[in-house]
Amino acid sequence: MGQLNSNSELESSDSKGFAPYFSVLITSFSTIFLAELGDKTQLATLMLSAQTGRPLIIFTGAALALICTSLLGVLIGRWIANNLPRQRFTFVSGIIMLILGIYLVTQGSSEFIQNRILT
């Protein structure tokens, strides 16, 4: 009887482990897929395919490049997760995003003002 109970606990833990795995997989796929639609990499791939007429080779090269950049991101993310406290990383990344946002807004505003003055 004890053996049956331990097997049911094992099956229960396996089914619980599958849901978070599947959730993370779907989240990462959909986030990257939507972010990559219409970006410069996709346009470059489109142009290379049109120029060379060898879409399979272009697809292979582009897929390998995306795999390598994704691997780099995962490895760096893993290193950050292991070496930096989560709160500090969240704070620093938030500050970096704010600085980038302020920079982009000021750049866009100055270009807008220059274009309005020149026209």
PDB file of N, CA and C in Angstrom:
ATOM      1  N   MET A   1       0.811  -1.192   0.000  1.00  0.00           N
ATOM      2  CA  MET A   1       0.000   0.000   0.000  1.00  0.00           C
ATOM      3  C   MET A   1       0.851   1.252   0.000  1.00  0.00           C
ATOM      4  N   GLY A   2       1.960   1.213   0.766  1.00  0.00           N
ATOM      5  CA  GLY A   2       2.831   2.383   0.837  1.00  0.00           C
ATOM      6  C   GLY A   2       3.422   2.701  -0.531  1.00  0.00           C
ATOM      7  N   GLN A   3       3.707   1.664  -1.308  1.00  0.00           N
ATOM      8  CA  GLN A   3       4.266   1.866  -2.641  1.00  0.00           C
ATOM      9  C   GLN A   3       3.285   2.587  -3.551  1.00  0.00           C
ATOM     10  N   LEU A   4       2.027   2.243  -3.475  1.00  0.00           N
ATOM     11  CA  LEU A   4       1.003   2.884  -4.287  1.00  0.00           C
ATOM     12  C   LEU A   4       0.889   4.358  -3.939  1.00  0.00           C
ATOM     13  N   ASN A   5       0.963   4.669  -2.664  1.00  0.00           N
ATOM     14  CA  ASN A   5       0.863   6.057  -2.212  1.00  0.00           C
ATOM     15  C   ASN A   5       2.037   6.877  -2.725  1.00  0.00           C
ATOM     16  N   SER A   6       3.273   6.343  -2.692  1.00  0.00           N
ATOM     17  CA  SER A   6       4.432   7.095  -3.147  1.00  0.00           C
ATOM     18  C   SER A   6       4.387   7.301  -4.660  1.00  0.00           C
ATOM     19  N   ASN A   7       3.857   6.314  -5.409  1.00  0.00           N
ATOM     20  CA  ASN A   7       3.725   6.487  -6.852  1.00  0.00           C
ATOM     21  C   ASN A   7       2.720   7.575  -7.191  1.00  0.00           C
ATOM     22  N   SER A   8       1.616   7.627  -6.462  1.00  0.00           N
ATOM     23  CA  SER A   8       0.625   8.655  -6.748  1.00  0.00           C
ATOM     24  C   SER A   8       1.170  10.030  -6.400  1.00  0.00           C
ATOM     25  N   GLU A   9       2.006  10.115  -5.345  1.00  0.00           N
ATOM     26  CA  GLU A   9       2.631  11.394  -5.015  1.00  0.00           C
ATOM     27  C   GLU A   9       3.607  11.798  -6.107  1.00  0.00           C
ATOM     28  N   LEU A  10       4.351  10.854  -6.664  1.00  0.00           N
ATOM     29  CA  LEU A  10       5.294  11.121  -7.729  1.00  0.00           C
ATOM     30  C   LEU A  10       4.564  11.613  -8.978  1.00  0.00           C
ATOM     31  N   GLU A  11       3.478  10.938  -9.349  1.00  0.00           N
ATOM     32  CA  GLU A  11       2.697  11.369 -10.509  1.00  0.00           C
ATOM     33  C   GLU A  11       2.111  12.747 -10.283  1.00  0.00           C
ATOM     34  N   SER A  12       1.675  13.011  -9.067  1.00  0.00           N
ATOM     35  CA  SER A  12       1.107  14.316  -8.738  1.00  0.00           C
ATOM     36  C   SER A  12       2.153  15.410  -8.867  1.00  0.00           C
ATOM     37  N   SER A  13       3.385  15.143  -8.394  1.00  0.00           N
ATOM     38  CA  SER A  13       4.433  16.157  -8.488  1.00  0.00           C
ATOM     39  C   SER A  13       4.863  16.361  -9.937  1.00  0.00           C
ATOM     40  N   ASP A  14       4.844  15.297 -10.760  1.00  0.00           N
ATOM     41  CA  ASP A  14       5.178  15.431 -12.169  1.00  0.00           C
ATOM     42  C   ASP A  14       4.159  16.305 -12.890  1.00  0.00           C
ATOM     43  N   SER A  15       2.885  16.114 -12.618  1.00  0.00           N
ATOM     44  CA  SER A  15       1.869  16.911 -13.289  1.00  0.00           C
ATOM     45  C   SER A  15       1.916  18.359 -12.820  1.00  0.00           C
ATOM     46  N   LYS A  16       2.288  18.595 -11.565  1.00  0.00           N
ATOM     47  CA  LYS A  16       2.434  19.968 -11.078  1.00  0.00           C
ATOM     48  C   LYS A  16       3.633  20.655 -11.715  1.00  0.00           C
ATOM     49  N   GLY A  17       4.704  19.899 -12.010  1.00  0.00           N
ATOM     50  CA  GLY A  17       5.900  20.458 -12.617  1.00  0.00           C
ATOM     51  C   GLY A  17       5.702  20.799 -14.078  1.00  0.00           C
ATOM     52  N   PHE A  18       4.772  20.126 -14.731  1.00  0.00           N
ATOM     53  CA  PHE A  18       4.549  20.354 -16.153  1.00  0.00           C
ATOM     54  C   PHE A  18       3.882  21.696 -16.415  1.00  0.00           C
ATOM     55  N   ALA A  19       2.938  22.109 -15.587  1.00  0.00           N
ATOM     56  CA  ALA A  19       2.206  23.353 -15.811  1.00  0.00           C
ATOM     57  C   ALA A  19       3.116  24.577 -15.784  1.00  0.00           C
ATOM     58  N   PRO A  20       4.001  24.738 -14.791  1.00  0.00           N
ATOM     59  CA  PRO A  20       4.901  25.897 -14.817  1.00  0.00           C
ATOM     60  C   PRO A  20       5.860  25.853 -16.014  1.00  0.00           C
ATOM     61  N   TYR A  21       6.345  24.672 -16.365  1.00  0.00           N
ATOM     62  CA  TYR A  21       7.224  24.530 -17.519  1.00  0.00           C
ATOM     63  C   TYR A  21       6.517  24.989 -18.788  1.00  0.00           C
ATOM     64  N   PHE A  22       5.305  24.503 -18.988  1.00  0.00           N
ATOM     65  CA  PHE A  22       4.535  24.856 -20.175  1.00  0.00           C
ATOM     66  C   PHE A  22       4.206  26.349 -20.181  1.00  0.00           C
ATOM     67  N   SER A  23       3.886  26.903 -19.032  1.00  0.00           N
ATOM     68  CA  SER A  23       3.572  28.318 -18.918  1.00  0.00           C
ATOM     69  C   SER A  23       4.772  29.186 -19.287  1.00  0.00           C
ATOM     70  N   VAL A  24       5.944  28.823 -18.786  1.00  0.00           N
ATOM     71  CA  VAL A  24       7.162  29.577 -19.105  1.00  0.00           C
ATOM     72  C   VAL A  24       7.490  29.440 -20.588  1.00  0.00           C
ATOM     73  N   LEU A  25       7.320  28.257 -21.139  1.00  0.00           N
ATOM     74  CA  LEU A  25       7.582  28.031 -22.561  1.00  0.00           C
ATOM     75  C   LEU A  25       6.675  28.897 -23.430  1.00  0.00           C
ATOM     76  N   ILE A  26       5.380  28.891 -23.140  1.00  0.00           N
ATOM     77  CA  ILE A  26       4.429  29.692 -23.917  1.00  0.00           C
ATOM     78  C   ILE A  26       4.700  31.177 -23.753  1.00  0.00           C
ATOM     79  N   THR A  27       4.993  31.610 -22.537  1.00  0.00           N
ATOM     80  CA  THR A  27       5.272  33.024 -22.294  1.00  0.00           C
ATOM     81  C   THR A  27       6.513  33.474 -23.050  1.00  0.00           C
ATOM     82  N   SER A  28       7.594  32.696 -22.976  1.00  0.00           N
ATOM     83  CA  SER A  28       8.819  33.100 -23.672  1.00  0.00           C
ATOM     84  C   SER A  28       8.621  33.063 -25.187  1.00  0.00           C
ATOM     85  N   PHE A  29       7.944  32.046 -25.695  1.00  0.00           N
ATOM     86  CA  PHE A  29       7.704  31.974 -27.136  1.00  0.00           C
ATOM     87  C   PHE A  29       6.877  33.160 -27.625  1.00  0.00           C
ATOM     88  N   SER A  30       5.764  33.421 -26.960  1.00  0.00           N
ATOM     89  CA  SER A  30       4.878  34.494 -27.434  1.00  0.00           C
ATOM     90  C   SER A  30       5.529  35.862 -27.294  1.00  0.00           C
ATOM     91  N   THR A  31       6.284  36.084 -26.218  1.00  0.00           N
ATOM     92  CA  THR A  31       6.953  37.367 -26.045  1.00  0.00           C
ATOM     93  C   THR A  31       7.985  37.605 -27.132  1.00  0.00           C
ATOM     94  N   ILE A  32       8.836  36.625 -27.380  1.00  0.00           N
ATOM     95  CA  ILE A  32       9.870  36.773 -28.403  1.00  0.00           C
ATOM     96  C   ILE A  32       9.251  36.826 -29.789  1.00  0.00           C
ATOM     97  N   PHE A  33       8.273  35.997 -30.043  1.00  0.00           N
ATOM     98  CA  PHE A  33       7.633  35.979 -31.365  1.00  0.00           C
ATOM     99  C   PHE A  33       7.019  37.338 -31.690  1.00  0.00           C
ATOM    100  N   LEU A  34       6.266  37.895 -30.753  1.00  0.00           N
ATOM    101  CA  LEU A  34       5.625  39.188 -30.998  1.00  0.00           C
ATOM    102  C   LEU A  34       6.647  40.320 -31.082  1.00  0.00           C
ATOM    103  N   ALA A  35       7.701  40.246 -30.272  1.00  0.00           N
ATOM    104  CA  ALA A  35       8.717  41.297 -30.296  1.00  0.00           C
ATOM    105  C   ALA A  35       9.503  41.278 -31.606  1.00  0.00           C
ATOM    106  N   GLU A  36       9.677  40.112 -32.190  1.00  0.00           N
ATOM    107  CA  GLU A  36      10.478  39.994 -33.398  1.00  0.00           C
ATOM    108  C   GLU A  36       9.697  40.280 -34.681  1.00  0.00           C
ATOM    109  N   LEU A  37       8.378  40.293 -34.613  1.00  0.00           N
ATOM    110  CA  LEU A  37       7.596  40.550 -35.829  1.00  0.00           C
ATOM    111  C   LEU A  37       7.858  41.964 -36.340  1.00  0.00           C
ATOM    112  N   GLY A  38       8.269  42.051 -37.581  1.00  0.00           N
ATOM    113  CA  GLY A  38       8.445  43.356 -38.218  1.00  0.00           C
ATOM    114  C   GLY A  38       9.671  44.112 -37.751  1.00  0.00           C
ATOM    115  N   ASP A  39      10.585  43.482 -37.027  1.00  0.00           N
ATOM    116  CA  ASP A  39      11.775  44.202 -36.589  1.00  0.00           C
ATOM    117  C   ASP A  39      12.825  44.178 -37.694  1.00  0.00           C
ATOM    118  N   LYS A  40      13.931  44.857 -37.466  1.00  0.00           N
ATOM    119  CA  LYS A  40      14.953  44.987 -38.505  1.00  0.00           C
ATOM    120  C   LYS A  40      15.576  43.649 -38.881  1.00  0.00           C
ATOM    121  N   THR A  41      15.637  42.711 -37.937  1.00  0.00           N
ATOM    122  CA  THR A  41      16.183  41.397 -38.260  1.00  0.00           C
ATOM    123  C   THR A  41      15.284  40.657 -39.246  1.00  0.00           C
ATOM    124  N   GLN A  42      13.987  40.739 -39.029  1.00  0.00           N
ATOM    125  CA  GLN A  42      13.068  40.072 -39.943  1.00  0.00           C
ATOM    126  C   GLN A  42      13.120  40.733 -41.322  1.00  0.00           C
ATOM    127  N   LEU A  43      13.205  42.051 -41.346  1.00  0.00           N
ATOM    128  CA  LEU A  43      13.296  42.748 -42.633  1.00  0.00           C
ATOM    129  C   LEU A  43      14.603  42.416 -43.347  1.00  0.00           C
ATOM    130  N   ALA A  44      15.703  42.324 -42.607  1.00  0.00           N
ATOM    131  CA  ALA A  44      16.984  41.950 -43.214  1.00  0.00           C
ATOM    132  C   ALA A  44      16.915  40.532 -43.773  1.00  0.00           C
ATOM    133  N   THR A  45      16.278  39.636 -43.038  1.00  0.00           N
ATOM    134  CA  THR A  45      16.116  38.261 -43.504  1.00  0.00           C
ATOM    135  C   THR A  45      15.278  38.227 -44.777  1.00  0.00           C
ATOM    136  N   LEU A  46      14.224  39.009 -44.791  1.00  0.00           N
ATOM    137  CA  LEU A  46      13.372  39.096 -45.977  1.00  0.00           C
ATOM    138  C   LEU A  46      14.168  39.587 -47.183  1.00  0.00           C
ATOM    139  N   MET A  47      14.969  40.639 -46.980  1.00  0.00           N
ATOM    140  CA  MET A  47      15.750  41.199 -48.085  1.00  0.00           C
ATOM    141  C   MET A  47      16.826  40.214 -48.568  1.00  0.00           C
ATOM    142  N   LEU A  48      17.505  39.559 -47.642  1.00  0.00           N
ATOM    143  CA  LEU A  48      18.522  38.586 -48.032  1.00  0.00           C
ATOM    144  C   LEU A  48      17.912  37.430 -48.812  1.00  0.00           C
ATOM    145  N   SER A  49      16.756  36.979 -48.379  1.00  0.00           N
ATOM    146  CA  SER A  49      16.081  35.889 -49.076  1.00  0.00           C
ATOM    147  C   SER A  49      15.686  36.315 -50.484  1.00  0.00           C
ATOM    148  N   ALA A  50      15.195  37.540 -50.594  1.00  0.00           N
ATOM    149  CA  ALA A  50      14.788  38.035 -51.917  1.00  0.00           C
ATOM    150  C   ALA A  50      15.998  38.223 -52.834  1.00  0.00           C
ATOM    151  N   GLN A  51      17.099  38.701 -52.281  1.00  0.00           N
ATOM    152  CA  GLN A  51      18.292  38.954 -53.096  1.00  0.00           C
ATOM    153  C   GLN A  51      18.967  37.670 -53.545  1.00  0.00           C
ATOM    154  N   THR A  52      19.087  36.711 -52.651  1.00  0.00           N
ATOM    155  CA  THR A  52      19.838  35.499 -52.984  1.00  0.00           C
ATOM    156  C   THR A  52      18.988  34.451 -53.674  1.00  0.00           C
ATOM    157  N   GLY A  53      17.692  34.465 -53.404  1.00  0.00           N
ATOM    158  CA  GLY A  53      16.834  33.432 -53.955  1.00  0.00           C
ATOM    159  C   GLY A  53      17.078  32.071 -53.313  1.00  0.00           C
ATOM    160  N   ARG A  54      17.696  32.056 -52.138  1.00  0.00           N
ATOM    161  CA  ARG A  54      17.995  30.804 -51.429  1.00  0.00           C
ATOM    162  C   ARG A  54      17.391  30.870 -50.028  1.00  0.00           C
ATOM    163  N   PRO A  55      16.066  30.795 -49.947  1.00  0.00           N
ATOM    164  CA  PRO A  55      15.404  30.998 -48.655  1.00  0.00           C
ATOM    165  C   PRO A  55      15.765  29.974 -47.584  1.00  0.00           C
ATOM    166  N   LEU A  56      16.049  28.728 -47.958  1.00  0.00           N
ATOM    167  CA  LEU A  56      16.377  27.720 -46.959  1.00  0.00           C
ATOM    168  C   LEU A  56      17.705  28.037 -46.271  1.00  0.00           C
ATOM    169  N   ILE A  57      18.681  28.475 -47.044  1.00  0.00           N
ATOM    170  CA  ILE A  57      19.981  28.830 -46.468  1.00  0.00           C
ATOM    171  C   ILE A  57      19.844  30.075 -45.587  1.00  0.00           C
ATOM    172  N   ILE A  58      19.077  31.058 -46.032  1.00  0.00           N
ATOM    173  CA  ILE A  58      18.862  32.267 -45.244  1.00  0.00           C
ATOM    174  C   ILE A  58      18.116  31.924 -43.956  1.00  0.00           C
ATOM    175  N   PHE A  59      17.105  31.065 -44.055  1.00  0.00           N
ATOM    176  CA  PHE A  59      16.372  30.650 -42.859  1.00  0.00           C
ATOM    177  C   PHE A  59      17.300  29.959 -41.866  1.00  0.00           C
ATOM    178  N   THR A  60      18.155  29.067 -42.361  1.00  0.00           N
ATOM    179  CA  THR A  60      19.084  28.344 -41.491  1.00  0.00           C
ATOM    180  C   THR A  60      20.038  29.309 -40.789  1.00  0.00           C
ATOM    181  N   GLY A  61      20.599  30.237 -41.545  1.00  0.00           N
ATOM    182  CA  GLY A  61      21.512  31.215 -40.957  1.00  0.00           C
ATOM    183  C   GLY A  61      20.822  32.112 -39.944  1.00  0.00           C
ATOM    184  N   ALA A  62      19.623  32.576 -40.282  1.00  0.00           N
ATOM    185  CA  ALA A  62      18.879  33.444 -39.371  1.00  0.00           C
ATOM    186  C   ALA A  62      18.461  32.694 -38.113  1.00  0.00           C
ATOM    187  N   ALA A  63      18.046  31.443 -38.271  1.00  0.00           N
ATOM    188  CA  ALA A  63      17.646  30.641 -37.107  1.00  0.00           C
ATOM    189  C   ALA A  63      18.842  30.389 -36.190  1.00  0.00           C
ATOM    190  N   LEU A  64      19.993  30.070 -36.764  1.00  0.00           N
ATOM    191  CA  LEU A  64      21.195  29.858 -35.953  1.00  0.00           C
ATOM    192  C   LEU A  64      21.609  31.136 -35.231  1.00  0.00           C
ATOM    193  N   ALA A  65      21.494  32.268 -35.918  1.00  0.00           N
ATOM    194  CA  ALA A  65      21.839  33.542 -35.284  1.00  0.00           C
ATOM    195  C   ALA A  65      20.900  33.846 -34.119  1.00  0.00           C
ATOM    196  N   LEU A  66      19.605  33.606 -34.298  1.00  0.00           N
ATOM    197  CA  LEU A  66      18.649  33.849 -33.217  1.00  0.00           C
ATOM    198  C   LEU A  66      18.888  32.895 -32.052  1.00  0.00           C
ATOM    199  N   ILE A  67      19.228  31.653 -32.352  1.00  0.00           N
ATOM    200  CA  ILE A  67      19.539  30.690 -31.294  1.00  0.00           C
ATOM    201  C   ILE A  67      20.763  31.156 -30.506  1.00  0.00           C
ATOM    202  N   CYS A  68      21.792  31.618 -31.201  1.00  0.00           N
ATOM    203  CA  CYS A  68      23.016  32.062 -30.521  1.00  0.00           C
ATOM    204  C   CYS A  68      22.768  33.295 -29.662  1.00  0.00           C
ATOM    205  N   THR A  69      22.016  34.268 -30.181  1.00  0.00           N
ATOM    206  CA  THR A  69      21.742  35.463 -29.380  1.00  0.00           C
ATOM    207  C   THR A  69      20.834  35.126 -28.198  1.00  0.00           C
ATOM    208  N   SER A  70      19.897  34.210 -28.401  1.00  0.00           N
ATOM    209  CA  SER A  70      19.035  33.791 -27.298  1.00  0.00           C
ATOM    210  C   SER A  70      19.830  33.039 -26.240  1.00  0.00           C
ATOM    211  N   LEU A  71      20.750  32.178 -26.678  1.00  0.00           N
ATOM    212  CA  LEU A  71      21.609  31.464 -25.737  1.00  0.00           C
ATOM    213  C   LEU A  71      22.448  32.443 -24.927  1.00  0.00           C
ATOM    214  N   LEU A  72      22.985  33.442 -25.590  1.00  0.00           N
ATOM    215  CA  LEU A  72      23.761  34.462 -24.895  1.00  0.00           C
ATOM    216  C   LEU A  72      22.908  35.179 -23.846  1.00  0.00           C
ATOM    217  N   GLY A  73      21.686  35.535 -24.218  1.00  0.00           N
ATOM    218  CA  GLY A  73      20.777  36.177 -23.273  1.00  0.00           C
ATOM    219  C   GLY A  73      20.447  35.292 -22.094  1.00  0.00           C
ATOM    220  N   VAL A  74      20.219  34.012 -22.345  1.00  0.00           N
ATOM    221  CA  VAL A  74      19.898  33.068 -21.272  1.00  0.00           C
ATOM    222  C   VAL A  74      21.095  32.894 -20.339  1.00  0.00           C
ATOM    223  N   LEU A  75      22.286  32.754 -20.909  1.00  0.00           N
ATOM    224  CA  LEU A  75      23.475  32.576 -20.076  1.00  0.00           C
ATOM    225  C   LEU A  75      23.762  33.816 -19.230  1.00  0.00           C
ATOM    226  N   ILE A  76      23.651  34.987 -19.823  1.00  0.00           N
ATOM    227  CA  ILE A  76      23.863  36.221 -19.063  1.00  0.00           C
ATOM    228  C   ILE A  76      22.783  36.380 -18.003  1.00  0.00           C
ATOM    229  N   GLY A  77      21.543  36.069 -18.362  1.00  0.00           N
ATOM    230  CA  GLY A  77      20.454  36.138 -17.386  1.00  0.00           C
ATOM    231  C   GLY A  77      20.670  35.179 -16.230  1.00  0.00           C
ATOM    232  N   ARG A  78      21.151  33.999 -16.522  1.00  0.00           N
ATOM    233  CA  ARG A  78      21.433  33.013 -15.473  1.00  0.00           C
ATOM    234  C   ARG A  78      22.543  33.511 -14.557  1.00  0.00           C
ATOM    235  N   TRP A  79      23.593  34.100 -15.156  1.00  0.00           N
ATOM    236  CA  TRP A  79      24.693  34.638 -14.361  1.00  0.00           C
ATOM    237  C   TRP A  79      24.199  35.762 -13.451  1.00  0.00           C
ATOM    238  N   ILE A  80      23.364  36.656 -14.006  1.00  0.00           N
ATOM    239  CA  ILE A  80      22.818  37.752 -13.208  1.00  0.00           C
ATOM    240  C   ILE A  80      21.979  37.201 -12.065  1.00  0.00           C
ATOM    241  N   ALA A  81      21.142  36.208 -12.360  1.00  0.00           N
ATOM    242  CA  ALA A  81      20.278  35.632 -11.328  1.00  0.00           C
ATOM    243  C   ALA A  81      21.092  34.983 -10.212  1.00  0.00           C
ATOM    244  N   ASN A  82      22.227  34.406 -10.555  1.00  0.00           N
ATOM    245  CA  ASN A  82      23.056  33.731  -9.559  1.00  0.00           C
ATOM    246  C   ASN A  82      23.964  34.681  -8.781  1.00  0.00           C
ATOM    247  N   ASN A  83      24.293  35.844  -9.352  1.00  0.00           N
ATOM    248  CA  ASN A  83      25.290  36.714  -8.745  1.00  0.00           C
ATOM    249  C   ASN A  83      24.766  38.036  -8.206  1.00  0.00           C
ATOM    250  N   LEU A  84      23.580  38.440  -8.580  1.00  0.00           N
ATOM    251  CA  LEU A  84      23.032  39.699  -8.088  1.00  0.00           C
ATOM    252  C   LEU A  84      21.749  39.449  -7.318  1.00  0.00           C
ATOM    253  N   PRO A  85      21.562  40.157  -6.221  1.00  0.00           N
ATOM    254  CA  PRO A  85      20.284  40.032  -5.510  1.00  0.00           C
ATOM    255  C   PRO A  85      19.144  40.534  -6.397  1.00  0.00           C
ATOM    256  N   ARG A  86      18.019  39.853  -6.322  1.00  0.00           N
ATOM    257  CA  ARG A  86      16.884  40.160  -7.194  1.00  0.00           C
ATOM    258  C   ARG A  86      16.397  41.597  -7.034  1.00  0.00           C
ATOM    259  N   GLN A  87      16.320  42.097  -5.805  1.00  0.00           N
ATOM    260  CA  GLN A  87      15.841  43.473  -5.589  1.00  0.00           C
ATOM    261  C   GLN A  87      16.791  44.483  -6.200  1.00  0.00           C
ATOM    262  N   ARG A  88      18.083  44.263  -6.037  1.00  0.00           N
ATOM    263  CA  ARG A  88      19.056  45.198  -6.620  1.00  0.00           C
ATOM    264  C   ARG A  88      18.976  45.176  -8.138  1.00  0.00           C
ATOM    265  N   PHE A  89      18.867  43.987  -8.720  1.00  0.00           N
ATOM    266  CA  PHE A  89      18.766  43.888 -10.174  1.00  0.00           C
ATOM    267  C   PHE A  89      17.510  44.586 -10.685  1.00  0.00           C
ATOM    268  N   THR A  90      16.390  44.381  -9.999  1.00  0.00           N
ATOM    269  CA  THR A  90      15.144  45.037 -10.394  1.00  0.00           C
ATOM    270  C   THR A  90      15.283  46.549 -10.316  1.00  0.00           C
ATOM    271  N   PHE A  91      15.891  47.040  -9.252  1.00  0.00           N
ATOM    272  CA  PHE A  91      16.078  48.483  -9.084  1.00  0.00           C
ATOM    273  C   PHE A  91      16.987  49.052 -10.175  1.00  0.00           C
ATOM    274  N   VAL A  92      18.131  48.403 -10.408  1.00  0.00           N
ATOM    275  CA  VAL A  92      19.081  48.892 -11.404  1.00  0.00           C
ATOM    276  C   VAL A  92      18.477  48.838 -12.808  1.00  0.00           C
ATOM    277  N   SER A  93      17.780  47.755 -13.139  1.00  0.00           N
ATOM    278  CA  SER A  93      17.173  47.670 -14.471  1.00  0.00           C
ATOM    279  C   SER A  93      16.071  48.715 -14.636  1.00  0.00           C
ATOM    280  N   GLY A  94      15.332  49.002 -13.574  1.00  0.00           N
ATOM    281  CA  GLY A  94      14.325  50.058 -13.634  1.00  0.00           C
ATOM    282  C   GLY A  94      14.949  51.420 -13.869  1.00  0.00           C
ATOM    283  N   ILE A  95      16.055  51.699 -13.188  1.00  0.00           N
ATOM    284  CA  ILE A  95      16.760  52.972 -13.386  1.00  0.00           C
ATOM    285  C   ILE A  95      17.281  53.083 -14.813  1.00  0.00           C
ATOM    286  N   ILE A  96      17.848  51.998 -15.333  1.00  0.00           N
ATOM    287  CA  ILE A  96      18.356  52.007 -16.714  1.00  0.00           C
ATOM    288  C   ILE A  96      17.217  52.277 -17.691  1.00  0.00           C
ATOM    289  N   MET A  97      16.067  51.643 -17.491  1.00  0.00           N
ATOM    290  CA  MET A  97      14.921  51.862 -18.380  1.00  0.00           C
ATOM    291  C   MET A  97      14.425  53.312 -18.286  1.00  0.00           C
ATOM    292  N   LEU A  98      14.397  53.869 -17.091  1.00  0.00           N
ATOM    293  CA  LEU A  98      14.000  55.270 -16.941  1.00  0.00           C
ATOM    294  C   LEU A  98      14.974  56.203 -17.656  1.00  0.00           C
ATOM    295  N   ILE A  99      16.263  55.955 -17.505  1.00  0.00           N
ATOM    296  CA  ILE A  99      17.266  56.784 -18.178  1.00  0.00           C
ATOM    297  C   ILE A  99      17.116  56.680 -19.692  1.00  0.00           C
ATOM    298  N   LEU A 100      16.941  55.460 -20.205  1.00  0.00           N
ATOM    299  CA  LEU A 100      16.740  55.294 -21.653  1.00  0.00           C
ATOM    300  C   LEU A 100      15.466  55.991 -22.122  1.00  0.00           C
ATOM    301  N   GLY A 101      14.399  55.873 -21.341  1.00  0.00           N
ATOM    302  CA  GLY A 101      13.145  56.533 -21.696  1.00  0.00           C
ATOM    303  C   GLY A 101      13.293  58.044 -21.729  1.00  0.00           C
ATOM    304  N   ILE A 102      13.933  58.609 -20.714  1.00  0.00           N
ATOM    305  CA  ILE A 102      14.141  60.061 -20.674  1.00  0.00           C
ATOM    306  C   ILE A 102      15.011  60.503 -21.841  1.00  0.00           C
ATOM    307  N   TYR A 103      16.058  59.736 -22.124  1.00  0.00           N
ATOM    308  CA  TYR A 103      16.930  60.064 -23.249  1.00  0.00           C
ATOM    309  C   TYR A 103      16.161  60.053 -24.570  1.00  0.00           C
ATOM    310  N   LEU A 104      15.363  59.013 -24.799  1.00  0.00           N
ATOM    311  CA  LEU A 104      14.609  58.921 -26.049  1.00  0.00           C
ATOM    312  C   LEU A 104      13.570  60.028 -26.173  1.00  0.00           C
ATOM    313  N   VAL A 105      12.912  60.375 -25.070  1.00  0.00           N
ATOM    314  CA  VAL A 105      11.929  61.455 -25.101  1.00  0.00           C
ATOM    315  C   VAL A 105      12.611  62.778 -25.407  1.00  0.00           C
ATOM    316  N   THR A 106      13.754  63.052 -24.789  1.00  0.00           N
ATOM    317  CA  THR A 106      14.447  64.323 -25.052  1.00  0.00           C
ATOM    318  C   THR A 106      14.973  64.366 -26.482  1.00  0.00           C
ATOM    319  N   GLN A 107      15.489  63.250 -26.985  1.00  0.00           N
ATOM    320  CA  GLN A 107      15.946  63.208 -28.375  1.00  0.00           C
ATOM    321  C   GLN A 107      14.792  63.454 -29.342  1.00  0.00           C
ATOM    322  N   GLY A 108      13.693  62.767 -29.119  1.00  0.00           N
ATOM    323  CA  GLY A 108      12.529  62.936 -29.981  1.00  0.00           C
ATOM    324  C   GLY A 108      11.974  64.349 -29.907  1.00  0.00           C
ATOM    325  N   SER A 109      11.939  64.914 -28.722  1.00  0.00           N
ATOM    326  CA  SER A 109      11.432  66.274 -28.557  1.00  0.00           C
ATOM    327  C   SER A 109      12.329  67.281 -29.251  1.00  0.00           C
ATOM    328  N   SER A 110      13.646  67.122 -29.104  1.00  0.00           N
ATOM    329  CA  SER A 110      14.560  68.077 -29.739  1.00  0.00           C
ATOM    330  C   SER A 110      14.486  67.957 -31.260  1.00  0.00           C
ATOM    331  N   GLU A 111      14.365  66.746 -31.788  1.00  0.00           N
ATOM    332  CA  GLU A 111      14.216  66.590 -33.241  1.00  0.00           C
ATOM    333  C   GLU A 111      12.899  67.179 -33.720  1.00  0.00           C
ATOM    334  N   PHE A 112      11.839  66.995 -32.958  1.00  0.00           N
ATOM    335  CA  PHE A 112      10.536  67.555 -33.315  1.00  0.00           C
ATOM    336  C   PHE A 112      10.595  69.069 -33.342  1.00  0.00           C
ATOM    337  N   ILE A 113      11.209  69.649 -32.309  1.00  0.00           N
ATOM    338  CA  ILE A 113      11.323  71.116 -32.248  1.00  0.00           C
ATOM    339  C   ILE A 113      12.189  71.638 -33.388  1.00  0.00           C
ATOM    340  N   GLN A 114      13.297  70.971 -33.693  1.00  0.00           N
ATOM    341  CA  GLN A 114      14.154  71.395 -34.796  1.00  0.00           C
ATOM    342  C   GLN A 114      13.418  71.318 -36.118  1.00  0.00           C
ATOM    343  N   ASN A 115      12.648  70.266 -36.342  1.00  0.00           N
ATOM    344  CA  ASN A 115      11.893  70.140 -37.581  1.00  0.00           C
ATOM    345  C   ASN A 115      10.810  71.198 -37.686  1.00  0.00           C
ATOM    346  N   ARG A 116      10.175  71.541 -36.577  1.00  0.00           N
ATOM    347  CA  ARG A 116       9.132  72.576 -36.588  1.00  0.00           C
ATOM    348  C   ARG A 116       9.722  73.942 -36.866  1.00  0.00           C
ATOM    349  N   ILE A 117      10.924  74.220 -36.348  1.00  0.00           N
ATOM    350  CA  ILE A 117      11.578  75.513 -36.558  1.00  0.00           C
ATOM    351  C   ILE A 117      12.078  75.628 -37.983  1.00  0.00           C
ATOM    352  N   LEU A 118      12.618  74.558 -38.522  1.00  0.00           N
ATOM    353  CA  LEU A 118      13.197  74.600 -39.872  1.00  0.00           C
ATOM    354  C   LEU A 118      12.125  74.633 -40.958  1.00  0.00           C
ATOM    355  N   THR A 119      10.913  74.188 -40.675  1.00  0.00           N
ATOM    356  CA  THR A 119       9.895  74.172 -41.730  1.00  0.00           C
ATOM    357  C   THR A 119       8.948  75.317 -41.616  1.00  0.00           C
TER     358      THR A 119
END
